[in-house]
Amino acid sequence: MVNLNTEKITAKIELMNNKKMYAVKDGELIEHALPDYGEVVVTIISGKAAFIDTKIKRKI
């Protein structure tokens, strides 16, 4: 759950949700769902988040 306030430029996010991560780029909040198994790589270019690469693995 994300509550945005565009007047104050603030966001209120649910910290107890372990299935999501958040990135901020140019004042925009980007929500990203995390896989059950795998890895997430955030690529930074010129000090800003540029790419989110998710590799999903399956546990057997």
C-alpha atoms as a PDB file:
ATOM      1  CA  MET A   1       0.000   0.000   0.000  1.00  0.00           C
ATOM      2  CA  VAL A   2       1.415   3.366  -1.039  1.00  0.00           C
ATOM      3  CA  ASN A   3      -0.076   6.718  -0.092  1.00  0.00           C
ATOM      4  CA  LEU A   4       1.262   9.647  -2.139  1.00  0.00           C
ATOM      5  CA  ASN A   5       1.014  13.309  -1.189  1.00  0.00           C
ATOM      6  CA  THR A   6       1.939  15.409  -4.230  1.00  0.00           C
ATOM      7  CA  GLU A   7       1.717  18.733  -2.347  1.00  0.00           C
ATOM      8  CA  LYS A   8       4.440  17.822   0.151  1.00  0.00           C
ATOM      9  CA  ILE A   9       6.129  15.350  -2.229  1.00  0.00           C
ATOM     10  CA  THR A  10       5.980  12.553   0.346  1.00  0.00           C
ATOM     11  CA  ALA A  11       5.033   8.888   0.202  1.00  0.00           C
ATOM     12  CA  LYS A  12       3.880   6.583   2.965  1.00  0.00           C
ATOM     13  CA  ILE A  13       4.747   2.918   2.321  1.00  0.00           C
ATOM     14  CA  GLU A  14       3.994  -0.326   4.157  1.00  0.00           C
ATOM     15  CA  LEU A  15       7.266  -1.452   5.770  1.00  0.00           C
ATOM     16  CA  MET A  16       5.953  -4.858   6.850  1.00  0.00           C
ATOM     17  CA  ASN A  17       5.531  -6.121   3.278  1.00  0.00           C
ATOM     18  CA  ASN A  18       8.618  -8.236   2.503  1.00  0.00           C
ATOM     19  CA  LYS A  19       7.450  -8.941  -1.064  1.00  0.00           C
ATOM     20  CA  LYS A  20       8.102  -5.434  -2.470  1.00  0.00           C
ATOM     21  CA  MET A  21      10.981  -3.034  -2.837  1.00  0.00           C
ATOM     22  CA  TYR A  22      10.880   0.632  -3.727  1.00  0.00           C
ATOM     23  CA  ALA A  23      13.196   2.861  -5.723  1.00  0.00           C
ATOM     24  CA  VAL A  24      12.996   6.613  -6.200  1.00  0.00           C
ATOM     25  CA  LYS A  25      14.011   8.211  -9.492  1.00  0.00           C
ATOM     26  CA  ASP A  26      13.529  11.902 -10.241  1.00  0.00           C
ATOM     27  CA  GLY A  27      10.983  12.216  -7.438  1.00  0.00           C
ATOM     28  CA  GLU A  28       8.909   9.267  -8.677  1.00  0.00           C
ATOM     29  CA  LEU A  29       8.359   6.255  -6.407  1.00  0.00           C
ATOM     30  CA  ILE A  30       8.791   2.980  -8.302  1.00  0.00           C
ATOM     31  CA  GLU A  31       7.308  -0.131  -6.690  1.00  0.00           C
ATOM     32  CA  HIS A  32       8.819  -3.498  -7.655  1.00  0.00           C
ATOM     33  CA  ALA A  33       7.483  -6.931  -6.658  1.00  0.00           C
ATOM     34  CA  LEU A  34      10.147  -9.315  -5.365  1.00  0.00           C
ATOM     35  CA  PRO A  35      10.306 -12.953  -6.482  1.00  0.00           C
ATOM     36  CA  ASP A  36       9.971 -15.801  -3.971  1.00  0.00           C
ATOM     37  CA  TYR A  37      13.378 -17.095  -5.116  1.00  0.00           C
ATOM     38  CA  GLY A  38      15.935 -15.314  -7.264  1.00  0.00           C
ATOM     39  CA  GLU A  39      17.821 -12.057  -7.296  1.00  0.00           C
ATOM     40  CA  VAL A  40      17.144  -8.405  -8.040  1.00  0.00           C
ATOM     41  CA  VAL A  41      19.910  -6.138  -9.343  1.00  0.00           C
ATOM     42  CA  VAL A  42      19.493  -2.362  -9.473  1.00  0.00           C
ATOM     43  CA  THR A  43      21.834  -0.696 -11.966  1.00  0.00           C
ATOM     44  CA  ILE A  44      22.904   2.852 -11.129  1.00  0.00           C
ATOM     45  CA  ILE A  45      24.022   5.283 -13.852  1.00  0.00           C
ATOM     46  CA  SER A  46      25.260   8.768 -12.910  1.00  0.00           C
ATOM     47  CA  GLY A  47      24.026   8.274  -9.347  1.00  0.00           C
ATOM     48  CA  LYS A  48      20.442   7.413 -10.365  1.00  0.00           C
ATOM     49  CA  ALA A  49      18.621   4.098 -10.563  1.00  0.00           C
ATOM     50  CA  ALA A  50      18.493   3.165 -14.250  1.00  0.00           C
ATOM     51  CA  PHE A  51      17.444  -0.497 -14.471  1.00  0.00           C
ATOM     52  CA  ILE A  52      15.914  -3.176 -12.266  1.00  0.00           C
ATOM     53  CA  ASP A  53      16.853  -6.686 -13.429  1.00  0.00           C
ATOM     54  CA  THR A  54      14.968  -9.586 -11.820  1.00  0.00           C
ATOM     55  CA  LYS A  55      16.095 -13.188 -12.178  1.00  0.00           C
ATOM     56  CA  ILE A  56      13.501 -15.660 -10.981  1.00  0.00           C
ATOM     57  CA  LYS A  57      14.522 -19.111  -9.806  1.00  0.00           C
ATOM     58  CA  ARG A  58      12.294 -22.047  -8.983  1.00  0.00           C
ATOM     59  CA  LYS A  59      12.901 -24.108  -5.858  1.00  0.00           C
ATOM     60  CA  ILE A  60      12.328 -27.826  -6.335  1.00  0.00           C
END
